[in-house]
Amino acid sequence: MELEKAMTVIAPSAASESVGTSATDIEFRGKVYDSIVDTIGATPLVRLARFSKAHGVVADLLGKCEFFNPLASVKDRIGFAMIDAAERDGRIKPGATLVEPTSGNTGIALAFVCAARGYRLILTMPESMSIERRKMLTHLGAEIDLTPAAKGMKGAVARAQELVESIPGAVLLQQFDNPANPEIHRQTTAQEIWNDTNGAVDIVVSGVGTGGTATGIASVLKKLKPSVKLVVVEPEDSPVISGGAPGPHKIQGIGAGFIPGNLDVSLIDEVVKVANETAFATARAVARQEGVPVGISSGAALAAAVEVGQRPENKDKTLVVILPSFAERYLSTPLFEQP
């Protein structure tokens, strides 16, 4: 697989980097790539020391900066993986039409891969998703079919199915159930975390959208080190993993309103519910205290990481929090409203 070969060449050992490394000491990728998709992965782990001190975190908090992917989100991994798997299986051929329900970032990932490989892409998404995401999608050549915000991701999923049934030869990639989703995280993200912490990882905190990131990472790390704990994050206003009722919320990218097929709940050690305003406030805080501008779901994951990382029993443990996307994708949202 192209991505795995690229990552073998470029993956840095973030754990070996000293705090305050000079820009002149940066380890570059060191090659020319044939396609933008070959640059996916090998994202850095960054120690959030100032943020941790400000919030009383006693664990060693490391942010997995997935916004270092070429289109600035963790979803770049699955956009590539799902299309690559479908090509290898013969489900899509040159000139095919792909359809997918998305809250935005998966759509952007699919759009840039489709643009690079010549596929037509139709995306269904709730109308409540940020205008930045929608503009980026059309900029990359994708077609957007907006669904009522009140119906959430369920409405987008239903509309995608309608389109596939009405367009001859259209293929639905189904990120919520597609096995290529967690598999790419088994093959890449989990391995990166293990290698870059030299196996010292103790806790992983991840939001749940499709469930692929959490499932893929935890399934590998728990085999390598059975004591590793998985903490998943969901919106307080839509706590379905915790057994509550789905509902509208403002944490774009997580909390689909149902338990996705790609989420292996047996791997979960704890579920943390985060309020909208807490997610916004925490994302603002890490931007100002670390210079790390992250998106709303990253703010939610960080809020959960603070809760877990403050516990005395987790003192000096290595806690890795997945930071899925970059702040600029949310300029029109309350994330950028001054409190």
C-alpha atoms as a PDB file:
ATOM      1  CA  MET A   1       0.000   0.000   0.000  1.00  0.00           C
ATOM      2  CA  GLU A   2       1.359   3.423  -1.023  1.00  0.00           C
ATOM      3  CA  LEU A   3       0.599   5.040   2.311  1.00  0.00           C
ATOM      4  CA  GLU A   4       2.368   2.397   4.366  1.00  0.00           C
ATOM      5  CA  LYS A   5       5.496   2.625   2.189  1.00  0.00           C
ATOM      6  CA  ALA A   6       5.567   6.389   2.494  1.00  0.00           C
ATOM      7  CA  MET A   7       5.157   6.221   6.242  1.00  0.00           C
ATOM      8  CA  THR A   8       7.945   3.695   6.591  1.00  0.00           C
ATOM      9  CA  VAL A   9      10.265   6.224   4.997  1.00  0.00           C
ATOM     10  CA  ILE A  10       9.099   9.363   6.767  1.00  0.00           C
ATOM     11  CA  ALA A  11       7.928   8.438  10.247  1.00  0.00           C
ATOM     12  CA  PRO A  12       9.924  10.496  12.778  1.00  0.00           C
ATOM     13  CA  SER A  13      10.579   9.442  16.355  1.00  0.00           C
ATOM     14  CA  ALA A  14       8.804  12.246  18.153  1.00  0.00           C
ATOM     15  CA  ALA A  15       9.721  10.758  21.497  1.00  0.00           C
ATOM     16  CA  SER A  16      13.400  11.358  20.767  1.00  0.00           C
ATOM     17  CA  GLU A  17      12.899  15.069  20.078  1.00  0.00           C
ATOM     18  CA  SER A  18      13.981  17.290  22.940  1.00  0.00           C
ATOM     19  CA  VAL A  19      11.823  20.143  24.147  1.00  0.00           C
ATOM     20  CA  GLY A  20      12.775  23.351  22.377  1.00  0.00           C
ATOM     21  CA  THR A  21      14.244  21.711  19.268  1.00  0.00           C
ATOM     22  CA  SER A  22      15.544  24.312  16.837  1.00  0.00           C
ATOM     23  CA  ALA A  23      13.882  24.718  13.454  1.00  0.00           C
ATOM     24  CA  THR A  24      17.253  23.918  11.897  1.00  0.00           C
ATOM     25  CA  ASP A  25      17.171  20.478  13.546  1.00  0.00           C
ATOM     26  CA  ILE A  26      13.879  19.403  11.941  1.00  0.00           C
ATOM     27  CA  GLU A  27      13.923  15.971  10.337  1.00  0.00           C
ATOM     28  CA  PHE A  28      12.458  16.420   6.848  1.00  0.00           C
ATOM     29  CA  ARG A  29      10.664  13.763   4.834  1.00  0.00           C
ATOM     30  CA  GLY A  30      13.563  13.752   2.387  1.00  0.00           C
ATOM     31  CA  LYS A  31      11.963  12.675  -0.886  1.00  0.00           C
ATOM     32  CA  VAL A  32       9.724  13.748  -3.746  1.00  0.00           C
ATOM     33  CA  TYR A  33       6.244  12.192  -3.791  1.00  0.00           C
ATOM     34  CA  ASP A  34       4.260  11.265  -6.888  1.00  0.00           C
ATOM     35  CA  SER A  35       0.917  12.220  -5.315  1.00  0.00           C
ATOM     36  CA  ILE A  36      -0.373  14.299  -2.420  1.00  0.00           C
ATOM     37  CA  VAL A  37      -2.022  11.168  -0.994  1.00  0.00           C
ATOM     38  CA  ASP A  38       1.424   9.669  -0.391  1.00  0.00           C
ATOM     39  CA  THR A  39       2.089  12.304   2.288  1.00  0.00           C
ATOM     40  CA  ILE A  40      -0.682  11.105   4.628  1.00  0.00           C
ATOM     41  CA  GLY A  41       0.325   9.997   8.123  1.00  0.00           C
ATOM     42  CA  ALA A  42       3.434  10.082  10.288  1.00  0.00           C
ATOM     43  CA  THR A  43       1.897  12.908  12.294  1.00  0.00           C
ATOM     44  CA  PRO A  44       3.824  14.192  15.331  1.00  0.00           C
ATOM     45  CA  LEU A  45       3.213  13.726  19.026  1.00  0.00           C
ATOM     46  CA  VAL A  46       3.602  17.017  20.868  1.00  0.00           C
ATOM     47  CA  ARG A  47       4.006  17.326  24.642  1.00  0.00           C
ATOM     48  CA  LEU A  48       1.469  19.850  25.968  1.00  0.00           C
ATOM     49  CA  ALA A  49       3.448  20.940  29.031  1.00  0.00           C
ATOM     50  CA  ARG A  50       2.184  24.507  29.449  1.00  0.00           C
ATOM     51  CA  PHE A  51      -1.416  23.461  28.906  1.00  0.00           C
ATOM     52  CA  SER A  52      -1.008  20.599  31.379  1.00  0.00           C
ATOM     53  CA  LYS A  53       0.418  22.881  34.054  1.00  0.00           C
ATOM     54  CA  ALA A  54      -2.372  25.411  33.600  1.00  0.00           C
ATOM     55  CA  HIS A  55      -5.028  22.726  34.022  1.00  0.00           C
ATOM     56  CA  GLY A  56      -3.480  20.656  36.792  1.00  0.00           C
ATOM     57  CA  VAL A  57      -2.721  17.643  34.622  1.00  0.00           C
ATOM     58  CA  VAL A  58      -0.260  15.284  36.332  1.00  0.00           C
ATOM     59  CA  ALA A  59      -0.007  12.782  33.481  1.00  0.00           C
ATOM     60  CA  ASP A  60       2.475  13.262  30.631  1.00  0.00           C
ATOM     61  CA  LEU A  61       0.018  14.657  28.081  1.00  0.00           C
ATOM     62  CA  LEU A  62       0.927  14.184  24.407  1.00  0.00           C
ATOM     63  CA  GLY A  63      -1.188  15.479  21.542  1.00  0.00           C
ATOM     64  CA  LYS A  64      -1.328  13.367  18.379  1.00  0.00           C
ATOM     65  CA  CYS A  65      -1.500  16.196  15.841  1.00  0.00           C
ATOM     66  CA  GLU A  66      -3.584  14.724  13.053  1.00  0.00           C
ATOM     67  CA  PHE A  67      -4.011  18.140  11.447  1.00  0.00           C
ATOM     68  CA  PHE A  68      -0.476  17.605  10.054  1.00  0.00           C
ATOM     69  CA  ASN A  69      -2.083  15.404   7.405  1.00  0.00           C
ATOM     70  CA  PRO A  70      -2.199  17.075   3.950  1.00  0.00           C
ATOM     71  CA  LEU A  71      -5.850  18.137   4.160  1.00  0.00           C
ATOM     72  CA  ALA A  72      -5.553  18.884   7.888  1.00  0.00           C
ATOM     73  CA  SER A  73      -7.479  16.081   9.573  1.00  0.00           C
ATOM     74  CA  VAL A  74      -7.315  12.503  10.795  1.00  0.00           C
ATOM     75  CA  LYS A  75      -9.901  11.620   8.139  1.00  0.00           C
ATOM     76  CA  ASP A  76      -7.250  11.837   5.414  1.00  0.00           C
ATOM     77  CA  ARG A  77      -6.171   8.373   6.519  1.00  0.00           C
ATOM     78  CA  ILE A  78      -9.575   6.761   5.961  1.00  0.00           C
ATOM     79  CA  GLY A  79     -10.329   8.735   2.808  1.00  0.00           C
ATOM     80  CA  PHE A  80      -7.294   7.147   1.229  1.00  0.00           C
ATOM     81  CA  ALA A  81      -7.834   3.738   2.817  1.00  0.00           C
ATOM     82  CA  MET A  82     -11.467   3.275   1.794  1.00  0.00           C
ATOM     83  CA  ILE A  83     -10.822   4.252  -1.832  1.00  0.00           C
ATOM     84  CA  ASP A  84      -7.650   2.174  -2.012  1.00  0.00           C
ATOM     85  CA  ALA A  85      -9.458  -0.890  -0.633  1.00  0.00           C
ATOM     86  CA  ALA A  86     -12.376  -0.432  -3.045  1.00  0.00           C
ATOM     87  CA  GLU A  87      -9.974  -0.169  -5.983  1.00  0.00           C
ATOM     88  CA  ARG A  88      -8.146  -3.323  -4.960  1.00  0.00           C
ATOM     89  CA  ASP A  89     -11.457  -5.176  -4.489  1.00  0.00           C
ATOM     90  CA  GLY A  90     -12.669  -4.063  -7.910  1.00  0.00           C
ATOM     91  CA  ARG A  91     -15.688  -2.220  -6.486  1.00  0.00           C
ATOM     92  CA  ILE A  92     -14.704   1.049  -8.155  1.00  0.00           C
ATOM     93  CA  LYS A  93     -13.221   1.561 -11.584  1.00  0.00           C
ATOM     94  CA  PRO A  94     -11.944   4.625 -13.479  1.00  0.00           C
ATOM     95  CA  GLY A  95     -14.650   7.291 -13.769  1.00  0.00           C
ATOM     96  CA  ALA A  96     -16.798   5.850 -10.986  1.00  0.00           C
ATOM     97  CA  THR A  97     -19.244   7.898  -8.894  1.00  0.00           C
ATOM     98  CA  LEU A  98     -18.703   7.678  -5.131  1.00  0.00           C
ATOM     99  CA  VAL A  99     -21.292   8.714  -2.531  1.00  0.00           C
ATOM    100  CA  GLU A 100     -20.739   9.242   1.180  1.00  0.00           C
ATOM    101  CA  PRO A 101     -22.529  10.807   4.172  1.00  0.00           C
ATOM    102  CA  THR A 102     -20.111  13.014   6.113  1.00  0.00           C
ATOM    103  CA  SER A 103     -19.933  15.739   8.742  1.00  0.00           C
ATOM    104  CA  GLY A 104     -17.209  17.373   6.660  1.00  0.00           C
ATOM    105  CA  ASN A 105     -13.674  16.138   7.232  1.00  0.00           C
ATOM    106  CA  THR A 106     -14.175  12.664   5.775  1.00  0.00           C
ATOM    107  CA  GLY A 107     -15.724  14.347   2.772  1.00  0.00           C
ATOM    108  CA  ILE A 108     -12.706  16.604   2.363  1.00  0.00           C
ATOM    109  CA  ALA A 109     -10.403  13.595   2.611  1.00  0.00           C
ATOM    110  CA  LEU A 110     -12.406  11.719  -0.002  1.00  0.00           C
ATOM    111  CA  ALA A 111     -12.582  14.821  -2.205  1.00  0.00           C
ATOM    112  CA  PHE A 112      -8.846  15.287  -2.471  1.00  0.00           C
ATOM    113  CA  VAL A 113      -8.255  11.597  -3.144  1.00  0.00           C
ATOM    114  CA  CYS A 114     -11.048  11.576  -5.738  1.00  0.00           C
ATOM    115  CA  ALA A 115      -9.581  14.685  -7.382  1.00  0.00           C
ATOM    116  CA  ALA A 116      -6.167  13.000  -7.510  1.00  0.00           C
ATOM    117  CA  ARG A 117      -7.625   9.815  -8.998  1.00  0.00           C
ATOM    118  CA  GLY A 118     -10.394  11.121 -11.252  1.00  0.00           C
ATOM    119  CA  TYR A 119     -13.592  10.031  -9.506  1.00  0.00           C
ATOM    120  CA  ARG A 120     -16.912  11.887  -9.217  1.00  0.00           C
ATOM    121  CA  LEU A 121     -17.879  12.426  -5.571  1.00  0.00           C
ATOM    122  CA  ILE A 122     -21.293  13.274  -4.113  1.00  0.00           C
ATOM    123  CA  LEU A 123     -21.447  14.014  -0.394  1.00  0.00           C
ATOM    124  CA  THR A 124     -24.498  14.239   1.847  1.00  0.00           C
ATOM    125  CA  MET A 125     -24.102  16.261   5.030  1.00  0.00           C
ATOM    126  CA  PRO A 126     -26.189  18.084   7.651  1.00  0.00           C
ATOM    127  CA  GLU A 127     -26.725  21.732   6.749  1.00  0.00           C
ATOM    128  CA  SER A 128     -25.356  22.692  10.183  1.00  0.00           C
ATOM    129  CA  MET A 129     -21.785  21.823   9.228  1.00  0.00           C
ATOM    130  CA  SER A 130     -19.371  24.765   8.972  1.00  0.00           C
ATOM    131  CA  ILE A 131     -19.267  26.826   5.784  1.00  0.00           C
ATOM    132  CA  GLU A 132     -15.467  26.370   5.655  1.00  0.00           C
ATOM    133  CA  ARG A 133     -15.896  22.641   5.194  1.00  0.00           C
ATOM    134  CA  ARG A 134     -18.542  23.088   2.536  1.00  0.00           C
ATOM    135  CA  LYS A 135     -16.461  25.596   0.564  1.00  0.00           C
ATOM    136  CA  MET A 136     -13.398  23.363   0.716  1.00  0.00           C
ATOM    137  CA  LEU A 137     -15.440  20.454  -0.611  1.00  0.00           C
ATOM    138  CA  THR A 138     -16.691  22.367  -3.637  1.00  0.00           C
ATOM    139  CA  HIS A 139     -13.195  23.790  -4.140  1.00  0.00           C
ATOM    140  CA  LEU A 140     -11.954  20.203  -4.502  1.00  0.00           C
ATOM    141  CA  GLY A 141     -14.696  19.369  -7.004  1.00  0.00           C
ATOM    142  CA  ALA A 142     -17.132  17.463  -4.790  1.00  0.00           C
ATOM    143  CA  GLU A 143     -20.908  17.825  -5.129  1.00  0.00           C
ATOM    144  CA  ILE A 144     -22.794  18.510  -1.884  1.00  0.00           C
ATOM    145  CA  ASP A 145     -26.327  17.445  -0.986  1.00  0.00           C
ATOM    146  CA  LEU A 146     -27.350  19.149   2.281  1.00  0.00           C
ATOM    147  CA  THR A 147     -29.787  17.439   4.653  1.00  0.00           C
ATOM    148  CA  PRO A 148     -31.865  18.942   7.494  1.00  0.00           C
ATOM    149  CA  ALA A 149     -29.773  19.736  10.583  1.00  0.00           C
ATOM    150  CA  ALA A 150     -32.471  18.321  12.855  1.00  0.00           C
ATOM    151  CA  LYS A 151     -31.994  14.873  11.313  1.00  0.00           C
ATOM    152  CA  GLY A 152     -28.266  14.848  12.127  1.00  0.00           C
ATOM    153  CA  MET A 153     -26.002  12.247  10.566  1.00  0.00           C
ATOM    154  CA  LYS A 154     -28.870   9.765  10.356  1.00  0.00           C
ATOM    155  CA  GLY A 155     -30.499  12.034   7.803  1.00  0.00           C
ATOM    156  CA  ALA A 156     -27.291  12.301   5.800  1.00  0.00           C
ATOM    157  CA  VAL A 157     -26.869   8.512   5.838  1.00  0.00           C
ATOM    158  CA  ALA A 158     -30.435   7.979   4.619  1.00  0.00           C
ATOM    159  CA  ARG A 159     -30.015  10.508   1.807  1.00  0.00           C
ATOM    160  CA  ALA A 160     -26.755   8.887   0.685  1.00  0.00           C
ATOM    161  CA  GLN A 161     -28.532   5.552   0.396  1.00  0.00           C
ATOM    162  CA  GLU A 162     -31.261   7.163  -1.707  1.00  0.00           C
ATOM    163  CA  LEU A 163     -28.659   8.608  -4.090  1.00  0.00           C
ATOM    164  CA  VAL A 164     -26.835   5.298  -4.493  1.00  0.00           C
ATOM    165  CA  GLU A 165     -30.093   3.583  -5.377  1.00  0.00           C
ATOM    166  CA  SER A 166     -30.927   6.228  -7.987  1.00  0.00           C
ATOM    167  CA  ILE A 167     -27.497   6.628  -9.690  1.00  0.00           C
ATOM    168  CA  PRO A 168     -26.413   3.673 -11.850  1.00  0.00           C
ATOM    169  CA  GLY A 169     -23.103   2.203 -10.700  1.00  0.00           C
ATOM    170  CA  ALA A 170     -22.698   4.559  -7.733  1.00  0.00           C
ATOM    171  CA  VAL A 171     -20.705   3.191  -4.809  1.00  0.00           C
ATOM    172  CA  LEU A 172     -21.371   3.970  -1.136  1.00  0.00           C
ATOM    173  CA  LEU A 173     -18.152   3.734   0.888  1.00  0.00           C
ATOM    174  CA  GLN A 174     -19.926   3.633   4.299  1.00  0.00           C
ATOM    175  CA  GLN A 175     -17.297   5.079   6.632  1.00  0.00           C
ATOM    176  CA  PHE A 176     -19.321   4.047   9.697  1.00  0.00           C
ATOM    177  CA  ASP A 177     -19.106   0.353   8.769  1.00  0.00           C
ATOM    178  CA  ASN A 178     -16.236   0.111   6.280  1.00  0.00           C
ATOM    179  CA  PRO A 179     -13.536  -2.229   7.691  1.00  0.00           C
ATOM    180  CA  ALA A 180     -10.819  -0.236   5.882  1.00  0.00           C
ATOM    181  CA  ASN A 181     -11.512   2.582   8.357  1.00  0.00           C
ATOM    182  CA  PRO A 182     -10.272   0.952  11.595  1.00  0.00           C
ATOM    183  CA  GLU A 183      -7.755  -1.108   9.626  1.00  0.00           C
ATOM    184  CA  ILE A 184      -5.770   1.923   8.457  1.00  0.00           C
ATOM    185  CA  HIS A 185      -5.499   3.034  12.088  1.00  0.00           C
ATOM    186  CA  ARG A 186      -4.260  -0.437  13.052  1.00  0.00           C
ATOM    187  CA  GLN A 187      -1.620  -0.313  10.341  1.00  0.00           C
ATOM    188  CA  THR A 188      -0.513   3.304  10.804  1.00  0.00           C
ATOM    189  CA  THR A 189      -1.818   5.461  13.673  1.00  0.00           C
ATOM    190  CA  ALA A 190      -1.450   2.806  16.359  1.00  0.00           C
ATOM    191  CA  GLN A 191       2.036   1.880  15.161  1.00  0.00           C
ATOM    192  CA  GLU A 192       3.094   5.531  15.146  1.00  0.00           C
ATOM    193  CA  ILE A 193       1.921   6.021  18.740  1.00  0.00           C
ATOM    194  CA  TRP A 194       3.653   2.846  19.890  1.00  0.00           C
ATOM    195  CA  ASN A 195       6.926   3.651  18.138  1.00  0.00           C
ATOM    196  CA  ASP A 196       7.022   7.349  19.013  1.00  0.00           C
ATOM    197  CA  THR A 197       6.418   6.690  22.728  1.00  0.00           C
ATOM    198  CA  ASN A 198       8.798   3.724  22.685  1.00  0.00           C
ATOM    199  CA  GLY A 199       5.926   1.616  23.984  1.00  0.00           C
ATOM    200  CA  ALA A 200       5.374   3.889  26.991  1.00  0.00           C
ATOM    201  CA  VAL A 201       1.773   4.819  26.118  1.00  0.00           C
ATOM    202  CA  ASP A 202      -0.614   4.112  29.005  1.00  0.00           C
ATOM    203  CA  ILE A 203      -3.859   5.890  28.081  1.00  0.00           C
ATOM    204  CA  VAL A 204      -5.412   6.924  24.772  1.00  0.00           C
ATOM    205  CA  VAL A 205      -8.194   9.518  24.644  1.00  0.00           C
ATOM    206  CA  SER A 206     -10.203   9.701  21.428  1.00  0.00           C
ATOM    207  CA  GLY A 207     -13.466  11.208  20.306  1.00  0.00           C
ATOM    208  CA  VAL A 208     -15.918   8.925  18.518  1.00  0.00           C
ATOM    209  CA  GLY A 209     -17.327   9.843  15.130  1.00  0.00           C
ATOM    210  CA  THR A 210     -17.189   6.693  13.013  1.00  0.00           C
ATOM    211  CA  GLY A 211     -15.388   4.768  15.763  1.00  0.00           C
ATOM    212  CA  GLY A 212     -12.575   3.775  13.424  1.00  0.00           C
ATOM    213  CA  THR A 213      -9.807   5.788  15.093  1.00  0.00           C
ATOM    214  CA  ALA A 214     -10.534   4.567  18.613  1.00  0.00           C
ATOM    215  CA  THR A 215     -11.111   0.964  17.560  1.00  0.00           C
ATOM    216  CA  GLY A 216      -8.080   0.711  15.296  1.00  0.00           C
ATOM    217  CA  ILE A 217      -5.671   2.281  17.763  1.00  0.00           C
ATOM    218  CA  ALA A 218      -6.907   0.438  20.850  1.00  0.00           C
ATOM    219  CA  SER A 219      -7.100  -2.985  19.202  1.00  0.00           C
ATOM    220  CA  VAL A 220      -3.382  -2.830  18.431  1.00  0.00           C
ATOM    221  CA  LEU A 221      -2.091  -1.103  21.562  1.00  0.00           C
ATOM    222  CA  LYS A 222      -4.023  -3.373  23.913  1.00  0.00           C
ATOM    223  CA  LYS A 223      -2.434  -6.409  22.253  1.00  0.00           C
ATOM    224  CA  LEU A 224       1.027  -4.913  22.543  1.00  0.00           C
ATOM    225  CA  LYS A 225       0.398  -3.719  26.094  1.00  0.00           C
ATOM    226  CA  PRO A 226      -2.756  -5.080  27.785  1.00  0.00           C
ATOM    227  CA  SER A 227      -2.706  -2.394  30.483  1.00  0.00           C
ATOM    228  CA  VAL A 228      -3.375   0.396  27.939  1.00  0.00           C
ATOM    229  CA  LYS A 229      -6.678   2.159  28.648  1.00  0.00           C
ATOM    230  CA  LEU A 230      -9.020   3.588  26.011  1.00  0.00           C
ATOM    231  CA  VAL A 231     -11.088   6.612  27.002  1.00  0.00           C
ATOM    232  CA  VAL A 232     -13.649   7.691  24.422  1.00  0.00           C
ATOM    233  CA  VAL A 233     -15.346  11.066  24.233  1.00  0.00           C
ATOM    234  CA  GLU A 234     -18.898  11.954  23.240  1.00  0.00           C
ATOM    235  CA  PRO A 235     -21.083  15.078  23.421  1.00  0.00           C
ATOM    236  CA  GLU A 236     -22.950  15.620  26.671  1.00  0.00           C
ATOM    237  CA  ASP A 237     -26.027  16.466  24.589  1.00  0.00           C
ATOM    238  CA  SER A 238     -25.922  13.209  22.604  1.00  0.00           C
ATOM    239  CA  PRO A 239     -24.544  10.528  24.958  1.00  0.00           C
ATOM    240  CA  VAL A 240     -25.507   7.401  23.031  1.00  0.00           C
ATOM    241  CA  ILE A 241     -22.380   5.409  23.926  1.00  0.00           C
ATOM    242  CA  SER A 242     -23.197   5.996  27.586  1.00  0.00           C
ATOM    243  CA  GLY A 243     -26.711   4.695  27.010  1.00  0.00           C
ATOM    244  CA  GLY A 244     -28.416   8.074  26.665  1.00  0.00           C
ATOM    245  CA  ALA A 245     -30.593   9.527  23.926  1.00  0.00           C
ATOM    246  CA  PRO A 246     -29.247  11.159  20.769  1.00  0.00           C
ATOM    247  CA  GLY A 247     -29.668  14.894  20.409  1.00  0.00           C
ATOM    248  CA  PRO A 248     -28.395  17.990  18.617  1.00  0.00           C
ATOM    249  CA  HIS A 249     -24.996  19.322  19.661  1.00  0.00           C
ATOM    250  CA  LYS A 250     -22.240  21.640  18.424  1.00  0.00           C
ATOM    251  CA  ILE A 251     -19.178  19.373  18.548  1.00  0.00           C
ATOM    252  CA  GLN A 252     -18.698  18.759  14.850  1.00  0.00           C
ATOM    253  CA  GLY A 253     -17.028  15.462  13.979  1.00  0.00           C
ATOM    254  CA  ILE A 254     -18.166  13.317  16.911  1.00  0.00           C
ATOM    255  CA  GLY A 255     -21.522  12.218  18.298  1.00  0.00           C
ATOM    256  CA  ALA A 256     -23.271  10.878  15.204  1.00  0.00           C
ATOM    257  CA  GLY A 257     -26.370  10.018  17.249  1.00  0.00           C
ATOM    258  CA  PHE A 258     -25.940   6.256  16.954  1.00  0.00           C
ATOM    259  CA  ILE A 259     -23.297   3.673  17.808  1.00  0.00           C
ATOM    260  CA  PRO A 260     -21.357   3.104  14.578  1.00  0.00           C
ATOM    261  CA  GLY A 261     -20.570  -0.365  13.346  1.00  0.00           C
ATOM    262  CA  ASN A 262     -16.848   0.398  13.391  1.00  0.00           C
ATOM    263  CA  LEU A 263     -16.843   1.077  17.133  1.00  0.00           C
ATOM    264  CA  ASP A 264     -15.777  -1.976  19.138  1.00  0.00           C
ATOM    265  CA  VAL A 265     -17.323  -1.118  22.491  1.00  0.00           C
ATOM    266  CA  SER A 266     -15.516  -4.020  24.170  1.00  0.00           C
ATOM    267  CA  LEU A 267     -12.276  -2.025  23.876  1.00  0.00           C
ATOM    268  CA  ILE A 268     -13.634   0.978  25.789  1.00  0.00           C
ATOM    269  CA  ASP A 269     -12.504   1.442  29.398  1.00  0.00           C
ATOM    270  CA  GLU A 270     -14.254   4.758  30.058  1.00  0.00           C
ATOM    271  CA  VAL A 271     -16.637   7.182  28.370  1.00  0.00           C
ATOM    272  CA  VAL A 272     -16.357  10.906  29.110  1.00  0.00           C
ATOM    273  CA  LYS A 273     -19.186  13.270  28.187  1.00  0.00           C
ATOM    274  CA  VAL A 274     -18.218  16.829  27.243  1.00  0.00           C
ATOM    275  CA  ALA A 275     -20.443  19.906  26.980  1.00  0.00           C
ATOM    276  CA  ASN A 276     -20.406  22.150  23.919  1.00  0.00           C
ATOM    277  CA  GLU A 277     -18.982  25.157  25.726  1.00  0.00           C
ATOM    278  CA  THR A 278     -16.320  23.053  27.446  1.00  0.00           C
ATOM    279  CA  ALA A 279     -15.120  21.825  24.051  1.00  0.00           C
ATOM    280  CA  PHE A 280     -14.949  25.386  22.708  1.00  0.00           C
ATOM    281  CA  ALA A 281     -13.208  26.746  25.805  1.00  0.00           C
ATOM    282  CA  THR A 282     -10.625  23.971  25.906  1.00  0.00           C
ATOM    283  CA  ALA A 283      -9.787  24.363  22.211  1.00  0.00           C
ATOM    284  CA  ARG A 284      -9.291  28.107  22.773  1.00  0.00           C
ATOM    285  CA  ALA A 285      -7.113  27.416  25.800  1.00  0.00           C
ATOM    286  CA  VAL A 286      -4.680  25.085  24.033  1.00  0.00           C
ATOM    287  CA  ALA A 287      -4.332  27.601  21.191  1.00  0.00           C
ATOM    288  CA  ARG A 288      -3.363  30.360  23.617  1.00  0.00           C
ATOM    289  CA  GLN A 289      -1.271  28.271  25.987  1.00  0.00           C
ATOM    290  CA  GLU A 290       0.564  26.092  23.458  1.00  0.00           C
ATOM    291  CA  GLY A 291       0.132  27.775  20.076  1.00  0.00           C
ATOM    292  CA  VAL A 292      -1.762  24.695  18.913  1.00  0.00           C
ATOM    293  CA  PRO A 293      -4.972  25.782  17.147  1.00  0.00           C
ATOM    294  CA  VAL A 294      -7.280  22.776  17.034  1.00  0.00           C
ATOM    295  CA  GLY A 295     -10.873  22.106  16.075  1.00  0.00           C
ATOM    296  CA  ILE A 296     -13.936  21.616  18.242  1.00  0.00           C
ATOM    297  CA  SER A 297     -13.741  17.828  18.618  1.00  0.00           C
ATOM    298  CA  SER A 298     -10.075  18.228  19.581  1.00  0.00           C
ATOM    299  CA  GLY A 299     -11.229  20.602  22.308  1.00  0.00           C
ATOM    300  CA  ALA A 300     -13.650  17.938  23.534  1.00  0.00           C
ATOM    301  CA  ALA A 301     -10.926  15.284  23.530  1.00  0.00           C
ATOM    302  CA  LEU A 302      -8.572  17.602  25.396  1.00  0.00           C
ATOM    303  CA  ALA A 303     -11.245  18.357  27.997  1.00  0.00           C
ATOM    304  CA  ALA A 304     -11.620  14.630  28.599  1.00  0.00           C
ATOM    305  CA  ALA A 305      -7.838  14.242  28.715  1.00  0.00           C
ATOM    306  CA  VAL A 306      -7.660  16.943  31.393  1.00  0.00           C
ATOM    307  CA  GLU A 307     -10.273  15.132  33.484  1.00  0.00           C
ATOM    308  CA  VAL A 308      -8.403  11.834  33.206  1.00  0.00           C
ATOM    309  CA  GLY A 309      -4.939  13.372  33.443  1.00  0.00           C
ATOM    310  CA  GLN A 310      -5.693  15.225  36.701  1.00  0.00           C
ATOM    311  CA  ARG A 311      -6.293  11.990  38.622  1.00  0.00           C
ATOM    312  CA  PRO A 312      -3.528  11.144  41.113  1.00  0.00           C
ATOM    313  CA  GLU A 313      -3.420   7.529  39.945  1.00  0.00           C
ATOM    314  CA  ASN A 314      -2.390   8.747  36.494  1.00  0.00           C
ATOM    315  CA  LYS A 315       0.563  10.823  37.661  1.00  0.00           C
ATOM    316  CA  ASP A 316       3.481  10.509  35.205  1.00  0.00           C
ATOM    317  CA  LYS A 317       1.570   8.094  32.982  1.00  0.00           C
ATOM    318  CA  THR A 318       1.823   8.692  29.240  1.00  0.00           C
ATOM    319  CA  LEU A 319      -1.527   9.939  28.001  1.00  0.00           C
ATOM    320  CA  VAL A 320      -1.996  10.341  24.248  1.00  0.00           C
ATOM    321  CA  VAL A 321      -4.940  12.444  23.082  1.00  0.00           C
ATOM    322  CA  ILE A 322      -6.019  12.372  19.445  1.00  0.00           C
ATOM    323  CA  LEU A 323      -6.353  15.897  17.993  1.00  0.00           C
ATOM    324  CA  PRO A 324      -8.322  15.296  14.787  1.00  0.00           C
ATOM    325  CA  SER A 325      -8.384  18.626  12.968  1.00  0.00           C
ATOM    326  CA  PHE A 326      -7.180  22.218  12.623  1.00  0.00           C
ATOM    327  CA  ALA A 327      -8.978  25.312  13.924  1.00  0.00           C
ATOM    328  CA  GLU A 328      -9.226  27.158  10.605  1.00  0.00           C
ATOM    329  CA  ARG A 329     -11.895  24.732   9.443  1.00  0.00           C
ATOM    330  CA  TYR A 330     -14.244  26.240  12.056  1.00  0.00           C
ATOM    331  CA  LEU A 331     -13.839  30.001  11.561  1.00  0.00           C
ATOM    332  CA  SER A 332     -17.592  30.549  11.248  1.00  0.00           C
ATOM    333  CA  THR A 333     -18.475  28.554  14.377  1.00  0.00           C
ATOM    334  CA  PRO A 334     -18.681  29.608  18.046  1.00  0.00           C
ATOM    335  CA  LEU A 335     -15.099  28.382  18.448  1.00  0.00           C
ATOM    336  CA  PHE A 336     -13.966  31.803  17.249  1.00  0.00           C
ATOM    337  CA  GLU A 337     -16.451  33.827  19.277  1.00  0.00           C
ATOM    338  CA  GLN A 338     -14.746  35.569  22.164  1.00  0.00           C
ATOM    339  CA  PRO A 339     -16.310  34.462  25.457  1.00  0.00           C
END
